[in-house]
PDB file of all heavy atoms in Angstrom:
ATOM      1  N   PHE A   1     -31.584  29.784 -37.551  1.00  0.00           N
ATOM      2  CA  PHE A   1     -32.991  29.516 -37.249  1.00  0.00           C
ATOM      3  C   PHE A   1     -33.813  30.787 -37.437  1.00  0.00           C
ATOM      4  O   PHE A   1     -34.867  30.788 -38.093  1.00  0.00           O
ATOM      5  CB  PHE A   1     -33.122  29.006 -35.812  1.00  0.00           C
ATOM      6  CG  PHE A   1     -34.552  28.826 -35.355  1.00  0.00           C
ATOM      7  CD1 PHE A   1     -35.202  27.621 -35.554  1.00  0.00           C
ATOM      8  CD2 PHE A   1     -35.237  29.866 -34.730  1.00  0.00           C
ATOM      9  CE1 PHE A   1     -36.516  27.452 -35.141  1.00  0.00           C
ATOM     10  CE2 PHE A   1     -36.544  29.703 -34.318  1.00  0.00           C
ATOM     11  CZ  PHE A   1     -37.184  28.489 -34.520  1.00  0.00           C
ATOM     12  N   LEU A   2     -33.328  31.896 -36.886  1.00  0.00           N
ATOM     13  CA  LEU A   2     -34.029  33.176 -36.995  1.00  0.00           C
ATOM     14  C   LEU A   2     -34.107  33.638 -38.445  1.00  0.00           C
ATOM     15  O   LEU A   2     -35.159  34.091 -38.913  1.00  0.00           O
ATOM     16  CB  LEU A   2     -33.329  34.237 -36.143  1.00  0.00           C
ATOM     17  CG  LEU A   2     -33.875  35.666 -36.267  1.00  0.00           C
ATOM     18  CD1 LEU A   2     -35.327  35.723 -35.815  1.00  0.00           C
ATOM     19  CD2 LEU A   2     -33.033  36.642 -35.459  1.00  0.00           C
ATOM     20  N   LEU A   3     -33.007  33.512 -39.171  1.00  0.00           N
ATOM     21  CA  LEU A   3     -32.990  33.952 -40.566  1.00  0.00           C
ATOM     22  C   LEU A   3     -33.956  33.129 -41.406  1.00  0.00           C
ATOM     23  O   LEU A   3     -34.665  33.678 -42.261  1.00  0.00           O
ATOM     24  CB  LEU A   3     -31.565  33.845 -41.129  1.00  0.00           C
ATOM     25  CG  LEU A   3     -30.561  34.841 -40.563  1.00  0.00           C
ATOM     26  CD1 LEU A   3     -29.160  34.553 -41.089  1.00  0.00           C
ATOM     27  CD2 LEU A   3     -30.966  36.272 -40.903  1.00  0.00           C
ATOM     28  N   THR A   4     -33.976  31.826 -41.194  1.00  0.00           N
ATOM     29  CA  THR A   4     -34.908  30.983 -41.944  1.00  0.00           C
ATOM     30  C   THR A   4     -36.345  31.370 -41.628  1.00  0.00           C
ATOM     31  O   THR A   4     -37.202  31.430 -42.523  1.00  0.00           O
ATOM     32  CB  THR A   4     -34.682  29.496 -41.615  1.00  0.00           C
ATOM     33  OG1 THR A   4     -33.318  29.148 -41.876  1.00  0.00           O
ATOM     34  CG2 THR A   4     -35.582  28.613 -42.467  1.00  0.00           C
ATOM     35  N   PHE A   5     -36.617  31.649 -40.355  1.00  0.00           N
ATOM     36  CA  PHE A   5     -37.966  32.051 -39.950  1.00  0.00           C
ATOM     37  C   PHE A   5     -38.370  33.345 -40.646  1.00  0.00           C
ATOM     38  O   PHE A   5     -39.499  33.470 -41.151  1.00  0.00           O
ATOM     39  CB  PHE A   5     -38.020  32.213 -38.431  1.00  0.00           C
ATOM     40  CG  PHE A   5     -39.413  32.251 -37.873  1.00  0.00           C
ATOM     41  CD1 PHE A   5     -40.027  31.080 -37.445  1.00  0.00           C
ATOM     42  CD2 PHE A   5     -40.121  33.441 -37.790  1.00  0.00           C
ATOM     43  CE1 PHE A   5     -41.318  31.095 -36.928  1.00  0.00           C
ATOM     44  CE2 PHE A   5     -41.404  33.480 -37.284  1.00  0.00           C
ATOM     45  CZ  PHE A   5     -42.011  32.299 -36.850  1.00  0.00           C
ATOM     46  N   LEU A   6     -37.464  34.323 -40.701  1.00  0.00           N
ATOM     47  CA  LEU A   6     -37.769  35.592 -41.374  1.00  0.00           C
ATOM     48  C   LEU A   6     -37.947  35.394 -42.881  1.00  0.00           C
ATOM     49  O   LEU A   6     -38.799  36.036 -43.503  1.00  0.00           O
ATOM     50  CB  LEU A   6     -36.659  36.612 -41.097  1.00  0.00           C
ATOM     51  CG  LEU A   6     -36.624  37.179 -39.675  1.00  0.00           C
ATOM     52  CD1 LEU A   6     -35.405  38.074 -39.491  1.00  0.00           C
ATOM     53  CD2 LEU A   6     -37.901  37.966 -39.370  1.00  0.00           C
ATOM     54  N   LEU A   7     -37.143  34.502 -43.467  1.00  0.00           N
ATOM     55  CA  LEU A   7     -37.304  34.184 -44.890  1.00  0.00           C
ATOM     56  C   LEU A   7     -38.697  33.620 -45.165  1.00  0.00           C
ATOM     57  O   LEU A   7     -39.351  33.979 -46.152  1.00  0.00           O
ATOM     58  CB  LEU A   7     -36.242  33.170 -45.325  1.00  0.00           C
ATOM     59  CG  LEU A   7     -34.821  33.692 -45.527  1.00  0.00           C
ATOM     60  CD1 LEU A   7     -33.868  32.530 -45.787  1.00  0.00           C
ATOM     61  CD2 LEU A   7     -34.774  34.661 -46.701  1.00  0.00           C
ATOM     62  N   LEU A   8     -39.157  32.750 -44.298  1.00  0.00           N
ATOM     63  CA  LEU A   8     -40.486  32.166 -44.459  1.00  0.00           C
ATOM     64  C   LEU A   8     -41.576  33.211 -44.265  1.00  0.00           C
ATOM     65  O   LEU A   8     -42.614  33.174 -44.941  1.00  0.00           O
ATOM     66  CB  LEU A   8     -40.666  31.007 -43.472  1.00  0.00           C
ATOM     67  CG  LEU A   8     -39.793  29.783 -43.725  1.00  0.00           C
ATOM     68  CD1 LEU A   8     -39.907  28.787 -42.571  1.00  0.00           C
ATOM     69  CD2 LEU A   8     -40.157  29.105 -45.038  1.00  0.00           C
ATOM     70  N   GLU A   9     -41.360  34.146 -43.345  1.00  0.00           N
ATOM     71  CA  GLU A   9     -42.328  35.223 -43.133  1.00  0.00           C
ATOM     72  C   GLU A   9     -42.456  36.094 -44.384  1.00  0.00           C
ATOM     73  O   GLU A   9     -43.558  36.464 -44.798  1.00  0.00           O
ATOM     74  CB  GLU A   9     -41.906  36.084 -41.934  1.00  0.00           C
ATOM     75  CG  GLU A   9     -42.164  35.446 -40.581  1.00  0.00           C
ATOM     76  CD  GLU A   9     -43.623  35.527 -40.169  1.00  0.00           C
ATOM     77  OE1 GLU A   9     -44.422  36.172 -40.877  1.00  0.00           O
ATOM     78  OE2 GLU A   9     -43.969  34.933 -39.129  1.00  0.00           O
ATOM     79  N   ILE A  10     -41.313  36.450 -44.983  1.00  0.00           N
ATOM     80  CA  ILE A  10     -41.333  37.243 -46.215  1.00  0.00           C
ATOM     81  C   ILE A  10     -42.023  36.468 -47.328  1.00  0.00           C
ATOM     82  O   ILE A  10     -42.849  37.007 -48.079  1.00  0.00           O
ATOM     83  CB  ILE A  10     -39.903  37.639 -46.632  1.00  0.00           C
ATOM     84  CG1 ILE A  10     -39.273  38.550 -45.582  1.00  0.00           C
ATOM     85  CG2 ILE A  10     -39.916  38.340 -47.997  1.00  0.00           C
ATOM     86  CD1 ILE A  10     -37.807  38.861 -45.838  1.00  0.00           C
ATOM     87  N   THR A  11     -41.696  35.181 -47.443  1.00  0.00           N
ATOM     88  CA  THR A  11     -42.318  34.338 -48.463  1.00  0.00           C
ATOM     89  C   THR A  11     -43.830  34.267 -48.262  1.00  0.00           C
ATOM     90  O   THR A  11     -44.604  34.339 -49.231  1.00  0.00           O
ATOM     91  CB  THR A  11     -41.729  32.912 -48.416  1.00  0.00           C
ATOM     92  OG1 THR A  11     -40.307  32.979 -48.585  1.00  0.00           O
ATOM     93  CG2 THR A  11     -42.312  32.041 -49.513  1.00  0.00           C
ATOM     94  N   ALA A  12     -44.263  34.137 -47.014  1.00  0.00           N
ATOM     95  CA  ALA A  12     -45.696  34.071 -46.711  1.00  0.00           C
ATOM     96  C   ALA A  12     -46.399  35.372 -47.091  1.00  0.00           C
ATOM     97  O   ALA A  12     -47.523  35.356 -47.614  1.00  0.00           O
ATOM     98  CB  ALA A  12     -45.904  33.763 -45.230  1.00  0.00           C
ATOM     99  N   LYS A  13     -45.753  36.506 -46.831  1.00  0.00           N
ATOM    100  CA  LYS A  13     -46.359  37.790 -47.170  1.00  0.00           C
ATOM    101  C   LYS A  13     -46.467  37.974 -48.677  1.00  0.00           C
ATOM    102  O   LYS A  13     -47.441  38.537 -49.188  1.00  0.00           O
ATOM    103  CB  LYS A  13     -45.556  38.933 -46.549  1.00  0.00           C
ATOM    104  CG  LYS A  13     -45.760  39.081 -45.047  1.00  0.00           C
ATOM    105  CD  LYS A  13     -45.091  40.319 -44.500  1.00  0.00           C
ATOM    106  CE  LYS A  13     -45.443  40.513 -43.034  1.00  0.00           C
ATOM    107  NZ  LYS A  13     -46.902  40.726 -42.832  1.00  0.00           N
ATOM    108  N   LEU A  14     -45.450  37.526 -49.422  1.00  0.00           N
ATOM    109  CA  LEU A  14     -45.471  37.669 -50.873  1.00  0.00           C
ATOM    110  C   LEU A  14     -46.476  36.730 -51.523  1.00  0.00           C
ATOM    111  O   LEU A  14     -47.119  37.085 -52.512  1.00  0.00           O
ATOM    112  CB  LEU A  14     -44.075  37.415 -51.440  1.00  0.00           C
ATOM    113  CG  LEU A  14     -43.047  38.528 -51.222  1.00  0.00           C
ATOM    114  CD1 LEU A  14     -41.656  38.045 -51.565  1.00  0.00           C
ATOM    115  CD2 LEU A  14     -43.403  39.756 -52.055  1.00  0.00           C
ATOM    116  N   THR A  15     -46.602  35.530 -50.995  1.00  0.00           N
ATOM    117  CA  THR A  15     -47.506  34.540 -51.584  1.00  0.00           C
ATOM    118  C   THR A  15     -48.886  34.563 -50.956  1.00  0.00           C
ATOM    119  O   THR A  15     -49.801  33.893 -51.442  1.00  0.00           O
ATOM    120  CB  THR A  15     -46.930  33.123 -51.436  1.00  0.00           C
ATOM    121  OG1 THR A  15     -46.727  32.836 -50.038  1.00  0.00           O
ATOM    122  CG2 THR A  15     -45.600  32.998 -52.164  1.00  0.00           C
ATOM    123  N   LYS A  16     -49.041  35.324 -49.860  1.00  0.00           N
ATOM    124  CA  LYS A  16     -50.285  35.385 -49.092  1.00  0.00           C
ATOM    125  C   LYS A  16     -50.675  34.004 -48.561  1.00  0.00           C
ATOM    126  O   LYS A  16     -51.846  33.652 -48.467  1.00  0.00           O
ATOM    127  CB  LYS A  16     -51.420  35.962 -49.946  1.00  0.00           C
ATOM    128  CG  LYS A  16     -51.175  37.380 -50.414  1.00  0.00           C
ATOM    129  CD  LYS A  16     -50.981  38.324 -49.250  1.00  0.00           C
ATOM    130  CE  LYS A  16     -50.915  39.776 -49.697  1.00  0.00           C
ATOM    131  NZ  LYS A  16     -49.723  40.106 -50.489  1.00  0.00           N
ATOM    132  N   LYS A  17     -49.658  33.229 -48.184  1.00  0.00           N
ATOM    133  CA  LYS A  17     -49.898  31.935 -47.575  1.00  0.00           C
ATOM    134  C   LYS A  17     -50.215  32.119 -46.092  1.00  0.00           C
ATOM    135  O   LYS A  17     -49.705  33.038 -45.447  1.00  0.00           O
ATOM    136  CB  LYS A  17     -48.668  31.034 -47.721  1.00  0.00           C
ATOM    137  CG  LYS A  17     -48.432  30.528 -49.136  1.00  0.00           C
ATOM    138  CD  LYS A  17     -49.402  29.423 -49.468  1.00  0.00           C
ATOM    139  CE  LYS A  17     -49.095  28.806 -50.812  1.00  0.00           C
ATOM    140  NZ  LYS A  17     -50.050  27.749 -51.162  1.00  0.00           N
ATOM    141  N   ARG A  18     -51.012  31.212 -45.561  1.00  0.00           N
ATOM    142  CA  ARG A  18     -51.345  31.257 -44.141  1.00  0.00           C
ATOM    143  C   ARG A  18     -50.119  30.853 -43.313  1.00  0.00           C
ATOM    144  O   ARG A  18     -49.435  29.883 -43.623  1.00  0.00           O
ATOM    145  CB  ARG A  18     -52.498  30.304 -43.837  1.00  0.00           C
ATOM    146  CG  ARG A  18     -52.935  30.333 -42.383  1.00  0.00           C
ATOM    147  CD  ARG A  18     -54.051  29.334 -42.147  1.00  0.00           C
ATOM    148  NE  ARG A  18     -54.437  29.299 -40.742  1.00  0.00           N
ATOM    149  CZ  ARG A  18     -55.313  28.438 -40.231  1.00  0.00           C
ATOM    150  NH1 ARG A  18     -55.891  27.549 -41.018  1.00  0.00           N
ATOM    151  NH2 ARG A  18     -55.607  28.468 -38.947  1.00  0.00           N
ATOM    152  N   VAL A  19     -49.831  31.626 -42.276  1.00  0.00           N
ATOM    153  CA  VAL A  19     -48.697  31.347 -41.396  1.00  0.00           C
ATOM    154  C   VAL A  19     -49.131  30.392 -40.287  1.00  0.00           C
ATOM    155  O   VAL A  19     -50.055  30.695 -39.526  1.00  0.00           O
ATOM    156  CB  VAL A  19     -48.141  32.649 -40.782  1.00  0.00           C
ATOM    157  CG1 VAL A  19     -47.036  32.342 -39.801  1.00  0.00           C
ATOM    158  CG2 VAL A  19     -47.638  33.582 -41.878  1.00  0.00           C
ATOM    159  N   VAL A  20     -48.485  29.233 -40.232  1.00  0.00           N
ATOM    160  CA  VAL A  20     -48.730  28.256 -39.167  1.00  0.00           C
ATOM    161  C   VAL A  20     -47.455  28.151 -38.342  1.00  0.00           C
ATOM    162  O   VAL A  20     -46.433  27.656 -38.824  1.00  0.00           O
ATOM    163  CB  VAL A  20     -49.119  26.879 -39.738  1.00  0.00           C
ATOM    164  CG1 VAL A  20     -49.366  25.887 -38.608  1.00  0.00           C
ATOM    165  CG2 VAL A  20     -50.355  27.005 -40.630  1.00  0.00           C
ATOM    166  N   GLY A  21     -47.518  28.642 -37.106  1.00  0.00           N
ATOM    167  CA  GLY A  21     -46.321  28.763 -36.280  1.00  0.00           C
ATOM    168  C   GLY A  21     -45.535  27.480 -36.114  1.00  0.00           C
ATOM    169  O   GLY A  21     -44.303  27.466 -36.254  1.00  0.00           O
ATOM    170  N   VAL A  22     -46.227  26.361 -35.862  1.00  0.00           N
ATOM    171  CA  VAL A  22     -45.535  25.092 -35.627  1.00  0.00           C
ATOM    172  C   VAL A  22     -44.769  24.661 -36.871  1.00  0.00           C
ATOM    173  O   VAL A  22     -43.619  24.218 -36.795  1.00  0.00           O
ATOM    174  CB  VAL A  22     -46.548  24.000 -35.209  1.00  0.00           C
ATOM    175  CG1 VAL A  22     -45.852  22.652 -35.086  1.00  0.00           C
ATOM    176  CG2 VAL A  22     -47.201  24.371 -33.883  1.00  0.00           C
ATOM    177  N   ARG A  23     -45.384  24.800 -38.029  1.00  0.00           N
ATOM    178  CA  ARG A  23     -44.727  24.397 -39.278  1.00  0.00           C
ATOM    179  C   ARG A  23     -43.519  25.289 -39.563  1.00  0.00           C
ATOM    180  O   ARG A  23     -42.485  24.822 -40.039  1.00  0.00           O
ATOM    181  CB  ARG A  23     -45.722  24.458 -40.439  1.00  0.00           C
ATOM    182  CG  ARG A  23     -46.917  23.552 -40.265  1.00  0.00           C
ATOM    183  CD  ARG A  23     -47.805  23.529 -41.475  1.00  0.00           C
ATOM    184  NE  ARG A  23     -47.157  22.850 -42.602  1.00  0.00           N
ATOM    185  CZ  ARG A  23     -47.817  22.248 -43.577  1.00  0.00           C
ATOM    186  NH1 ARG A  23     -49.141  22.220 -43.557  1.00  0.00           N
ATOM    187  NH2 ARG A  23     -47.186  21.673 -44.564  1.00  0.00           N
ATOM    188  N   PHE A  24     -43.656  26.593 -39.261  1.00  0.00           N
ATOM    189  CA  PHE A  24     -42.541  27.511 -39.461  1.00  0.00           C
ATOM    190  C   PHE A  24     -41.367  27.149 -38.549  1.00  0.00           C
ATOM    191  O   PHE A  24     -40.210  27.244 -38.948  1.00  0.00           O
ATOM    192  CB  PHE A  24     -42.991  28.951 -39.203  1.00  0.00           C
ATOM    193  CG  PHE A  24     -43.530  29.640 -40.428  1.00  0.00           C
ATOM    194  CD1 PHE A  24     -44.212  28.912 -41.383  1.00  0.00           C
ATOM    195  CD2 PHE A  24     -43.361  30.988 -40.631  1.00  0.00           C
ATOM    196  CE1 PHE A  24     -44.722  29.529 -42.517  1.00  0.00           C
ATOM    197  CE2 PHE A  24     -43.844  31.620 -41.767  1.00  0.00           C
ATOM    198  CZ  PHE A  24     -44.540  30.883 -42.705  1.00  0.00           C
ATOM    199  N   VAL A  25     -41.672  26.744 -37.323  1.00  0.00           N
ATOM    200  CA  VAL A  25     -40.614  26.360 -36.387  1.00  0.00           C
ATOM    201  C   VAL A  25     -39.863  25.140 -36.905  1.00  0.00           C
ATOM    202  O   VAL A  25     -38.631  25.099 -36.911  1.00  0.00           O
ATOM    203  CB  VAL A  25     -41.199  26.098 -34.985  1.00  0.00           C
ATOM    204  CG1 VAL A  25     -40.149  25.442 -34.088  1.00  0.00           C
ATOM    205  CG2 VAL A  25     -41.677  27.406 -34.357  1.00  0.00           C
ATOM    206  N   PHE A  26     -40.594  24.125 -37.349  1.00  0.00           N
ATOM    207  CA  PHE A  26     -39.944  22.920 -37.872  1.00  0.00           C
ATOM    208  C   PHE A  26     -39.078  23.255 -39.093  1.00  0.00           C
ATOM    209  O   PHE A  26     -37.956  22.755 -39.231  1.00  0.00           O
ATOM    210  CB  PHE A  26     -40.992  21.870 -38.242  1.00  0.00           C
ATOM    211  CG  PHE A  26     -41.509  21.096 -37.066  1.00  0.00           C
ATOM    212  CD1 PHE A  26     -42.869  21.013 -36.805  1.00  0.00           C
ATOM    213  CD2 PHE A  26     -40.641  20.435 -36.211  1.00  0.00           C
ATOM    214  CE1 PHE A  26     -43.358  20.295 -35.724  1.00  0.00           C
ATOM    215  CE2 PHE A  26     -41.106  19.717 -35.116  1.00  0.00           C
ATOM    216  CZ  PHE A  26     -42.461  19.655 -34.875  1.00  0.00           C
ATOM    217  N   SER A  27     -39.604  24.098 -39.989  1.00  0.00           N
ATOM    218  CA  SER A  27     -38.848  24.484 -41.177  1.00  0.00           C
ATOM    219  C   SER A  27     -37.587  25.254 -40.802  1.00  0.00           C
ATOM    220  O   SER A  27     -36.523  25.061 -41.405  1.00  0.00           O
ATOM    221  CB  SER A  27     -39.712  25.347 -42.104  1.00  0.00           C
ATOM    222  OG  SER A  27     -40.752  24.587 -42.667  1.00  0.00           O
ATOM    223  N   SER A  28     -37.709  26.125 -39.812  1.00  0.00           N
ATOM    224  CA  SER A  28     -36.561  26.913 -39.379  1.00  0.00           C
ATOM    225  C   SER A  28     -35.493  26.030 -38.735  1.00  0.00           C
ATOM    226  O   SER A  28     -34.298  26.281 -38.874  1.00  0.00           O
ATOM    227  CB  SER A  28     -37.016  28.000 -38.397  1.00  0.00           C
ATOM    228  OG  SER A  28     -37.947  28.866 -39.006  1.00  0.00           O
ATOM    229  N   VAL A  29     -35.922  24.976 -38.031  1.00  0.00           N
ATOM    230  CA  VAL A  29     -34.968  24.017 -37.464  1.00  0.00           C
ATOM    231  C   VAL A  29     -34.186  23.332 -38.590  1.00  0.00           C
ATOM    232  O   VAL A  29     -32.977  23.135 -38.488  1.00  0.00           O
ATOM    233  CB  VAL A  29     -35.701  22.972 -36.598  1.00  0.00           C
ATOM    234  CG1 VAL A  29     -34.767  21.817 -36.237  1.00  0.00           C
ATOM    235  CG2 VAL A  29     -36.237  23.630 -35.339  1.00  0.00           C
ATOM    236  N   ILE A  30     -34.873  22.988 -39.672  1.00  0.00           N
ATOM    237  CA  ILE A  30     -34.195  22.368 -40.824  1.00  0.00           C
ATOM    238  C   ILE A  30     -33.179  23.336 -41.423  1.00  0.00           C
ATOM    239  O   ILE A  30     -32.049  22.949 -41.746  1.00  0.00           O
ATOM    240  CB  ILE A  30     -35.231  21.949 -41.882  1.00  0.00           C
ATOM    241  CG1 ILE A  30     -36.129  20.850 -41.325  1.00  0.00           C
ATOM    242  CG2 ILE A  30     -34.531  21.462 -43.157  1.00  0.00           C
ATOM    243  CD1 ILE A  30     -37.310  20.513 -42.227  1.00  0.00           C
ATOM    244  N   GLY A  31     -33.577  24.613 -41.565  1.00  0.00           N
ATOM    245  CA  GLY A  31     -32.657  25.617 -42.098  1.00  0.00           C
ATOM    246  C   GLY A  31     -31.452  25.814 -41.209  1.00  0.00           C
ATOM    247  O   GLY A  31     -30.320  25.969 -41.695  1.00  0.00           O
TER     248      GLY A  31
END
C-alpha cells in the first residue's frame, strides 16, 4: 500500500497531476 502510494506521488510530480488523497488511497488499496 505504501509503495503504491509513493509510486503515485512520483508519477504525480513527473506529470504535474493534481494529487487527490482519496483517489490515491483507493489506488493504493488496489496495488
